[in-house]
Amino acid sequence: MPTAAAANSRTDVANQRNAVLAGFLGWTLDAFDFFILTLVIEDLAHAFFPGSPLEEARPRIALAITLTLAMRPIGAVVFGLIDQLQCRSKVGRRIKSRSHLDHCSIEA
């Protein structure tokens, strides 16, 4: 018969495994989101800079993608601080996360 410590240990291992899997899947989707843009740079150049030669438009699109990627940590810090100032644990993290996801779904 397993002891309570062994049962907790199994639960901890399962939670840790799920956390690692969730982190890996999140990173994979994030990487896909970035790299899919690199595959369609020419299409984006035609869409956003019609009539411009590709030699001029491609670097502009690449710069926009690079700046977007570079600004993400800054946005995370800024919006994280705003969240801490506004919601000082009055509402649980799960409820806030769910409301943000619902809002993004409605906006999309």
Protein backbone atom coordinates (compact mmCIF):
# COMPACT_ATOMS: atom_id res chain seq x y z
CA MET A 1 0.00 0.00 0.00
CA PRO A 2 1.53 3.37 -1.02
CA THR A 3 2.12 5.92 1.65
CA ALA A 4 0.88 9.51 1.52
CA ALA A 5 4.42 10.73 0.76
CA ALA A 6 4.69 8.40 -2.23
CA ALA A 7 1.29 9.53 -3.54
CA ASN A 8 2.34 13.18 -3.19
CA SER A 9 5.58 12.39 -4.94
CA ARG A 10 3.73 10.85 -7.90
CA THR A 11 1.44 13.86 -8.06
CA ASP A 12 4.43 16.21 -7.96
CA VAL A 13 6.15 14.31 -10.76
CA ALA A 14 3.00 14.40 -12.87
CA ASN A 15 2.58 18.14 -12.26
CA GLN A 16 6.21 18.80 -13.13
CA ARG A 17 5.94 16.71 -16.29
CA ASN A 18 2.80 18.59 -17.33
CA ALA A 19 4.46 21.94 -16.64
CA VAL A 20 7.47 21.04 -18.79
CA LEU A 21 5.20 19.77 -21.57
CA ALA A 22 3.07 22.93 -21.45
CA GLY A 23 6.17 25.12 -21.57
CA PHE A 24 7.59 23.18 -24.51
CA LEU A 25 4.33 23.33 -26.45
CA GLY A 26 4.00 27.05 -25.75
CA TRP A 27 7.54 27.67 -26.96
CA THR A 28 6.90 25.54 -30.06
CA LEU A 29 3.79 27.51 -30.99
CA ASP A 30 5.60 30.77 -30.35
CA ALA A 31 8.51 29.72 -32.55
CA PHE A 32 6.11 28.62 -35.28
CA ASP A 33 4.38 31.99 -35.08
CA PHE A 34 7.69 33.77 -35.63
CA PHE A 35 9.14 31.53 -38.31
CA ILE A 36 5.97 31.40 -40.39
CA LEU A 37 6.48 35.12 -41.00
CA THR A 38 9.97 34.53 -42.34
CA LEU A 39 8.52 32.15 -44.91
CA VAL A 40 6.11 34.74 -46.28
CA ILE A 41 8.31 37.86 -46.28
CA GLU A 42 7.90 38.36 -50.01
CA ASP A 43 4.12 38.09 -49.81
CA LEU A 44 4.09 40.59 -46.95
CA ALA A 45 6.37 42.91 -48.92
CA HIS A 46 3.94 42.84 -51.87
CA ALA A 47 0.96 43.44 -49.56
CA PHE A 48 2.41 46.28 -47.48
CA PHE A 49 4.62 47.95 -50.07
CA PRO A 50 2.85 47.51 -53.42
CA GLY A 51 4.86 48.78 -56.35
CA SER A 52 8.12 48.87 -54.39
CA PRO A 53 10.96 46.64 -55.55
CA LEU A 54 11.49 43.58 -53.38
CA GLU A 55 15.07 44.67 -52.65
CA GLU A 56 13.65 47.69 -50.75
CA ALA A 57 10.53 46.12 -49.27
CA ARG A 58 12.03 42.89 -47.89
CA PRO A 59 14.41 44.60 -45.42
CA ARG A 60 11.55 46.77 -44.14
CA ILE A 61 9.42 43.71 -43.42
CA ALA A 62 12.38 41.94 -41.79
CA LEU A 63 13.05 45.00 -39.64
CA ALA A 64 9.42 45.10 -38.53
CA ILE A 65 9.54 41.42 -37.56
CA THR A 66 12.83 41.93 -35.70
CA LEU A 67 11.59 44.98 -33.81
CA THR A 68 8.40 43.17 -32.85
CA LEU A 69 10.40 40.27 -31.47
CA ALA A 70 12.83 42.60 -29.66
CA MET A 71 10.05 44.64 -28.00
CA ARG A 72 8.22 41.66 -26.53
CA PRO A 73 10.25 41.53 -23.28
CA ILE A 74 9.75 45.26 -22.76
CA GLY A 75 6.01 44.86 -23.24
CA ALA A 76 5.99 41.94 -20.82
CA VAL A 77 7.68 44.04 -18.14
CA VAL A 78 5.45 47.07 -18.70
CA PHE A 79 2.18 45.15 -18.73
CA GLY A 80 3.33 42.94 -15.86
CA LEU A 81 3.93 46.04 -13.74
CA ILE A 82 0.56 47.48 -14.74
CA ASP A 83 -1.10 44.21 -13.78
CA GLN A 84 0.62 44.18 -10.41
CA LEU A 85 -0.40 47.76 -9.69
CA GLN A 86 -4.03 47.27 -10.71
CA CYS A 87 -4.83 43.83 -9.38
CA ARG A 88 -2.83 43.36 -6.18
CA SER A 89 -4.13 39.79 -5.77
CA LYS A 90 -7.74 40.89 -5.36
CA VAL A 91 -8.63 38.52 -8.17
CA GLY A 92 -6.93 35.20 -8.72
CA ARG A 93 -4.45 34.69 -11.51
CA ARG A 94 -6.63 32.11 -13.18
CA ILE A 95 -9.60 34.47 -13.47
CA LYS A 96 -7.42 37.26 -14.92
CA SER A 97 -5.80 34.88 -17.38
CA ARG A 98 -9.16 33.53 -18.49
CA SER A 99 -10.57 37.03 -18.98
CA HIS A 100 -7.53 38.03 -21.07
CA LEU A 101 -7.90 34.94 -23.25
CA ASP A 102 -11.63 35.57 -23.67
CA HIS A 103 -10.93 39.18 -24.68
CA CYS A 104 -8.31 38.09 -27.23
CA SER A 105 -10.73 35.53 -28.65
CA ILE A 106 -13.42 38.14 -29.07
CA GLU A 107 -10.98 40.58 -30.69
CA ALA A 108 -9.75 37.96 -33.16
